[in-house]
Amino acid sequence: MSEPMKCLKRPKPFDSARYLFEPKVDGYRLKVVNGDTTLDGEVAVLDAAGVPRLRLVQQRGKSDPLFLRHAMREYPAIFYPFDILRHRKKDTDHLSTTERKRMLSEVLPTLPKNGVRCYSSGGHDITARFPEMADPSGYKLLPYIIGEGVALYDKLCEAGWEGMVAKPLDAPYVYDNRSLWLKIKKPRIEGKFVVCGGVKPRPDSNREGFVGSVILGEVTPQGLVYVGEVGTGFDFAELAWLTKTLKRQDASPFRKPPKVERFWFWCQPTLTLEVDFFERTVENSLREPVVKRILY
């Protein structure tokens, strides 16, 4: 199965009469098949302010299937379709963005409430996890504007959204493509965290013999708090230095040792890293952390 069309990161918002701009939904990518109509979009769970949050839909996704009804009440899912790929047994991916958007707004109110199937971006059928998708009347079209990207970006960031997506008005939908759609995310957060241990590299990694990532802790008045791991941002010289220099110890520096996949060792929490990240998950782990520098 072909990968859905994806986005290329762009650091700053821009204005252009050749693009439409729409909110970036912080959720799971879904392909929804309703009879002979195929939609591309994101399923999300909203916070109290009505803003999609990945950490909330992650909680929904982790919910025990035996307690699905409770999960639906606690984390109600909403589908945001932003493209239409097939309708009335005809592919629509060759049409322009403008034509597909118009068709989507016309078709959505006519979709029946039966025979709906949902697939992840990897092609897995996850219909049973999101029963709400069976009712297209609950789908929400994303608003968009043409030309004025900077103003929309500012409003979205102020409201707490993840950012926005820019799409060329005349572009077709190209599977496996990452260069036509552009995503502009809100500014990342910076923080300082201490290294508390080492994690073995993945089997397919080129970091064999070195730590693959390090375990991070945050110093708080209540003590050291686990906030995840980070490996992105280190060069090989830094990985070699960390592997050799970190002062290993048998005991965890945390009061309640976290479960760490591919755990290697604990160490004295004396080395500080400056890390930037997008946000915190519901478990308080850093999302998309990147090491900016080692504070020796």
Protein backbone atom coordinates (compact mmCIF):
# COMPACT_ATOMS: atom_id res chain seq x y z
CA MET A 1 0.00 0.00 0.00
CA SER A 2 1.33 3.45 -0.95
CA GLU A 3 2.19 5.90 1.79
CA PRO A 4 -0.12 8.92 2.05
CA MET A 5 1.06 12.33 0.91
CA LYS A 6 3.15 13.91 3.66
CA CYS A 7 4.64 17.26 4.53
CA LEU A 8 8.04 18.87 4.29
CA LYS A 9 9.01 20.97 7.29
CA ARG A 10 9.37 24.70 6.80
CA PRO A 11 10.73 26.85 9.64
CA LYS A 12 8.68 30.02 9.16
CA PRO A 13 5.15 30.91 7.97
CA PHE A 14 4.66 32.79 4.70
CA ASP A 15 2.04 34.44 2.52
CA SER A 16 1.37 33.32 -1.04
CA ALA A 17 -1.60 33.58 -3.37
CA ARG A 18 -0.58 30.19 -4.81
CA TYR A 19 -1.21 28.32 -1.53
CA LEU A 20 -4.08 27.52 0.78
CA PHE A 21 -3.35 27.33 4.49
CA GLU A 22 -5.15 25.16 7.06
CA PRO A 23 -4.63 24.09 10.70
CA LYS A 24 -2.29 21.17 11.37
CA VAL A 25 -4.20 18.57 13.38
CA ASP A 26 -2.20 16.89 16.15
CA GLY A 27 -3.56 13.35 15.83
CA TYR A 28 -3.29 10.03 13.99
CA ARG A 29 -3.32 9.92 10.19
CA LEU A 30 -6.25 7.88 8.86
CA LYS A 31 -7.60 6.72 5.54
CA VAL A 32 -11.37 6.31 5.80
CA VAL A 33 -13.20 4.21 3.19
CA ASN A 34 -16.95 4.75 2.97
CA GLY A 35 -18.42 2.71 0.13
CA ASP A 36 -16.79 4.03 -3.05
CA THR A 37 -15.41 7.14 -1.34
CA THR A 38 -11.93 7.34 0.19
CA LEU A 39 -10.94 10.18 2.52
CA ASP A 40 -7.57 11.20 3.93
CA GLY A 41 -7.40 12.97 7.28
CA GLU A 42 -6.54 12.85 10.97
CA VAL A 43 -8.40 11.43 13.94
CA ALA A 44 -7.96 13.53 17.06
CA VAL A 45 -9.09 14.01 20.64
CA LEU A 46 -9.67 17.58 21.82
CA ASP A 47 -8.57 19.15 25.09
CA ALA A 48 -10.79 21.36 27.25
CA ALA A 49 -10.08 24.33 24.96
CA GLY A 50 -11.17 22.40 21.86
CA VAL A 51 -7.64 21.93 20.52
CA PRO A 52 -6.43 18.53 19.17
CA ARG A 53 -3.75 16.94 21.36
CA LEU A 54 -1.64 13.96 20.32
CA ARG A 55 -1.17 12.86 23.92
CA LEU A 56 -4.95 12.50 24.30
CA VAL A 57 -5.47 10.42 21.16
CA GLN A 58 -2.47 8.33 22.27
CA GLN A 59 -4.30 7.63 25.52
CA ARG A 60 -7.34 6.62 23.51
CA GLY A 61 -5.20 4.35 21.35
CA LYS A 62 -3.69 2.66 24.42
CA SER A 63 -7.08 1.99 25.99
CA ASP A 64 -7.96 -1.64 26.68
CA PRO A 65 -10.47 -2.86 24.05
CA LEU A 66 -12.52 -4.33 26.92
CA PHE A 67 -13.18 -0.79 28.14
CA LEU A 68 -13.82 0.82 24.77
CA ARG A 69 -17.08 2.49 25.81
CA HIS A 70 -15.34 4.14 28.75
CA ALA A 71 -12.51 5.28 26.47
CA MET A 72 -15.03 6.76 24.03
CA ARG A 73 -16.52 8.83 26.84
CA GLU A 74 -13.15 9.81 28.30
CA TYR A 75 -11.40 10.47 24.99
CA PRO A 76 -14.05 11.05 22.28
CA ALA A 77 -12.48 10.97 18.83
CA ILE A 78 -13.19 13.34 15.95
CA PHE A 79 -12.18 12.78 12.34
CA TYR A 80 -10.88 15.76 10.37
CA PRO A 81 -10.94 14.86 6.64
CA PHE A 82 -8.73 17.15 4.60
CA ASP A 83 -8.64 15.33 1.25
CA ILE A 84 -10.67 13.04 -1.00
CA LEU A 85 -8.81 10.39 -2.98
CA ARG A 86 -11.62 8.43 -4.62
CA HIS A 87 -15.33 8.94 -5.31
CA ARG A 88 -17.91 7.05 -7.37
CA LYS A 89 -15.31 4.44 -8.35
CA LYS A 90 -13.00 7.08 -9.80
CA ASP A 91 -9.64 8.22 -8.47
CA THR A 92 -9.49 11.93 -7.67
CA ASP A 93 -5.80 12.25 -6.82
CA HIS A 94 -5.04 13.79 -10.24
CA LEU A 95 -7.31 16.77 -9.52
CA SER A 96 -5.92 20.02 -8.11
CA THR A 97 -6.03 20.81 -4.39
CA THR A 98 -8.76 23.37 -5.05
CA GLU A 99 -10.93 20.87 -6.96
CA ARG A 100 -10.48 18.17 -4.31
CA LYS A 101 -11.38 20.58 -1.51
CA ARG A 102 -14.57 21.60 -3.33
CA MET A 103 -15.49 17.97 -3.96
CA LEU A 104 -14.81 17.04 -0.32
CA SER A 105 -17.17 19.73 0.99
CA GLU A 106 -19.91 18.58 -1.42
CA VAL A 107 -19.52 14.84 -0.81
CA LEU A 108 -19.14 14.81 2.96
CA PRO A 109 -22.81 15.51 3.83
CA THR A 110 -23.96 12.72 1.49
CA LEU A 111 -21.91 9.85 2.96
CA PRO A 112 -23.94 6.92 4.37
CA LYS A 113 -23.59 5.65 7.96
CA ASN A 114 -22.57 2.09 7.12
CA GLY A 115 -19.70 0.11 5.70
CA VAL A 116 -17.02 2.49 6.98
CA ARG A 117 -13.49 1.15 7.35
CA CYS A 118 -10.51 2.98 8.87
CA TYR A 119 -6.87 2.34 8.06
CA SER A 120 -3.69 3.68 9.63
CA SER A 121 -0.99 5.25 7.48
CA GLY A 122 0.73 1.86 7.58
CA GLY A 123 -2.33 0.13 6.11
CA HIS A 124 -3.62 -1.55 9.30
CA ASP A 125 -7.38 -1.84 9.76
CA ILE A 126 -8.15 0.01 13.01
CA THR A 127 -11.91 0.39 12.53
CA ALA A 128 -12.68 -1.35 15.84
CA ARG A 129 -10.61 1.19 17.80
CA PHE A 130 -12.60 4.18 16.58
CA PRO A 131 -16.32 3.34 16.32
CA GLU A 132 -17.12 7.08 16.01
CA MET A 133 -15.82 6.99 12.44
CA ALA A 134 -18.91 4.99 11.41
CA ASP A 135 -20.97 8.21 11.50
CA PRO A 136 -19.76 10.75 8.89
CA SER A 137 -22.08 13.40 10.33
CA GLY A 138 -19.53 13.78 13.13
CA TYR A 139 -16.65 14.54 10.77
CA LYS A 140 -15.31 18.12 10.87
CA LEU A 141 -13.99 19.90 7.79
CA LEU A 142 -10.89 21.97 8.40
CA PRO A 143 -11.31 25.66 7.58
CA TYR A 144 -8.69 27.12 5.27
CA ILE A 145 -7.71 30.44 3.76
CA ILE A 146 -5.88 31.35 0.58
CA GLY A 147 -2.86 33.61 0.60
CA GLU A 148 -2.64 34.85 4.19
CA GLY A 149 -0.55 32.21 5.91
CA VAL A 150 1.25 34.39 8.46
CA ALA A 151 -1.95 35.71 10.04
CA LEU A 152 -3.45 32.22 10.29
CA TYR A 153 -0.26 30.81 11.79
CA ASP A 154 -0.21 33.49 14.50
CA LYS A 155 -3.85 32.82 15.40
CA LEU A 156 -3.32 29.05 15.52
CA CYS A 157 -0.23 29.30 17.74
CA GLU A 158 -2.02 31.71 20.06
CA ALA A 159 -4.92 29.24 20.34
CA GLY A 160 -2.55 26.35 21.10
CA TRP A 161 -2.68 24.44 17.81
CA GLU A 162 0.34 22.49 16.56
CA GLY A 163 0.83 24.77 13.57
CA MET A 164 -0.42 24.89 10.00
CA VAL A 165 -0.06 23.18 6.62
CA ALA A 166 0.45 24.98 3.29
CA LYS A 167 -0.76 23.30 0.08
CA PRO A 168 -0.28 24.52 -3.52
CA LEU A 169 -3.68 25.29 -5.05
CA ASP A 170 -2.89 23.57 -8.35
CA ALA A 171 -1.11 20.48 -6.97
CA PRO A 172 -2.38 16.90 -7.41
CA TYR A 173 -2.29 14.37 -4.56
CA VAL A 174 0.98 12.46 -4.93
CA TYR A 175 1.44 9.30 -2.84
CA ASP A 176 4.78 8.91 -1.05
CA ASN A 177 5.53 12.58 -1.73
CA ARG A 178 7.02 14.88 0.92
CA SER A 179 7.83 18.02 -1.06
CA LEU A 180 4.55 19.66 -2.14
CA TRP A 181 2.79 20.12 1.20
CA LEU A 182 4.60 22.23 3.78
CA LYS A 183 4.12 22.08 7.56
CA ILE A 184 5.01 24.98 9.80
CA LYS A 185 4.96 24.09 13.49
CA LYS A 186 4.78 26.40 16.47
CA PRO A 187 8.10 27.22 18.22
CA ARG A 188 9.69 24.46 20.27
CA ILE A 189 10.34 24.57 24.04
CA GLU A 190 13.82 24.60 25.57
CA GLY A 191 14.85 23.06 28.88
CA LYS A 192 17.75 21.71 30.90
CA PHE A 193 17.79 18.06 32.02
CA VAL A 194 20.31 15.73 33.65
CA VAL A 195 21.58 12.47 32.21
CA CYS A 196 20.51 9.54 34.40
CA GLY A 197 21.54 6.52 32.37
CA GLY A 198 22.27 4.96 29.01
CA VAL A 199 20.13 3.06 26.50
CA LYS A 200 21.44 0.45 24.08
CA PRO A 201 21.24 1.37 20.37
CA ARG A 202 18.62 -0.19 18.15
CA PRO A 203 19.74 -3.39 16.38
CA ASP A 204 19.64 -1.64 13.00
CA SER A 205 21.50 1.44 14.26
CA ASN A 206 25.01 2.52 13.26
CA ARG A 207 25.75 3.35 16.90
CA GLU A 208 26.87 -0.14 17.90
CA GLY A 209 29.27 0.01 20.84
CA PHE A 210 28.00 3.40 21.96
CA VAL A 211 24.96 4.50 23.91
CA GLY A 212 22.06 4.85 21.51
CA SER A 213 20.37 7.47 23.67
CA VAL A 214 20.46 8.70 27.24
CA ILE A 215 17.83 8.66 29.98
CA LEU A 216 16.74 12.12 31.06
CA GLY A 217 15.70 13.43 34.46
CA GLU A 218 14.29 16.79 35.51
CA VAL A 219 15.30 18.31 38.83
CA THR A 220 12.17 19.36 40.77
CA PRO A 221 11.40 20.25 44.41
CA GLN A 222 9.96 16.74 44.75
CA GLY A 223 13.17 15.14 43.50
CA LEU A 224 14.39 13.80 40.18
CA VAL A 225 11.59 13.12 37.68
CA TYR A 226 11.92 10.89 34.61
CA VAL A 227 11.10 12.70 31.33
CA GLY A 228 12.10 10.15 28.69
CA GLU A 229 15.16 9.56 26.54
CA VAL A 230 17.00 11.49 23.85
CA GLY A 231 19.47 10.42 21.19
CA THR A 232 18.88 12.91 18.39
CA GLY A 233 21.41 15.73 18.30
CA PHE A 234 24.53 13.83 19.41
CA ASP A 235 27.43 13.30 16.99
CA PHE A 236 29.62 10.18 17.14
CA ALA A 237 32.35 11.92 19.11
CA GLU A 238 29.83 12.93 21.78
CA LEU A 239 28.33 9.42 21.88
CA ALA A 240 31.82 7.92 22.35
CA TRP A 241 32.58 10.46 25.09
CA LEU A 242 29.29 9.74 26.89
CA THR A 243 29.78 5.98 26.71
CA LYS A 244 33.24 6.29 28.28
CA THR A 245 32.66 9.16 30.71
CA LEU A 246 29.26 8.65 32.36
CA LYS A 247 29.78 7.43 35.92
CA ARG A 248 27.75 4.24 36.07
CA GLN A 249 26.04 2.97 39.19
CA ASP A 250 23.83 0.02 40.09
CA ALA A 251 20.99 1.99 41.67
CA SER A 252 18.51 4.13 39.78
CA PRO A 253 18.70 7.85 40.60
CA PHE A 254 14.88 7.93 40.48
CA ARG A 255 12.75 7.05 43.51
CA LYS A 256 10.58 4.96 41.21
CA PRO A 257 12.73 3.54 38.39
CA PRO A 258 10.97 3.87 35.02
CA LYS A 259 10.67 1.04 32.53
CA VAL A 260 13.10 1.84 29.73
CA GLU A 261 13.22 -0.14 26.48
CA ARG A 262 16.74 -1.45 25.69
CA PHE A 263 17.97 -0.25 29.12
CA TRP A 264 21.77 -0.44 29.54
CA PHE A 265 22.87 1.28 32.76
CA TRP A 266 22.13 3.96 35.36
CA CYS A 267 24.60 6.74 36.07
CA GLN A 268 25.20 9.58 38.49
CA PRO A 269 22.97 12.53 37.44
CA THR A 270 25.78 15.08 37.23
CA LEU A 271 25.82 15.92 33.50
CA THR A 272 23.33 18.47 32.18
CA LEU A 273 21.97 18.73 28.64
CA GLU A 274 20.20 21.61 26.96
CA VAL A 275 17.30 20.04 25.06
CA ASP A 276 14.51 21.45 22.95
CA PHE A 277 11.22 19.63 22.44
CA PHE A 278 7.73 20.12 21.05
CA GLU A 279 5.61 19.44 24.13
CA ARG A 280 5.15 16.94 26.96
CA THR A 281 3.13 13.75 26.68
CA VAL A 282 0.46 12.77 29.21
CA GLU A 283 3.17 10.70 30.97
CA ASN A 284 5.34 13.86 31.21
CA SER A 285 7.90 12.61 28.65
CA LEU A 286 9.42 15.08 26.21
CA ARG A 287 7.97 14.82 22.71
CA GLU A 288 10.43 15.00 19.78
CA PRO A 289 13.45 15.96 21.97
CA VAL A 290 16.68 17.12 20.35
CA VAL A 291 19.95 17.79 22.17
CA LYS A 292 21.16 21.35 21.54
CA ARG A 293 24.34 21.16 23.56
CA ILE A 294 26.10 19.41 26.43
CA LEU A 295 26.64 21.67 29.43
CA TYR A 296 29.92 20.19 30.66
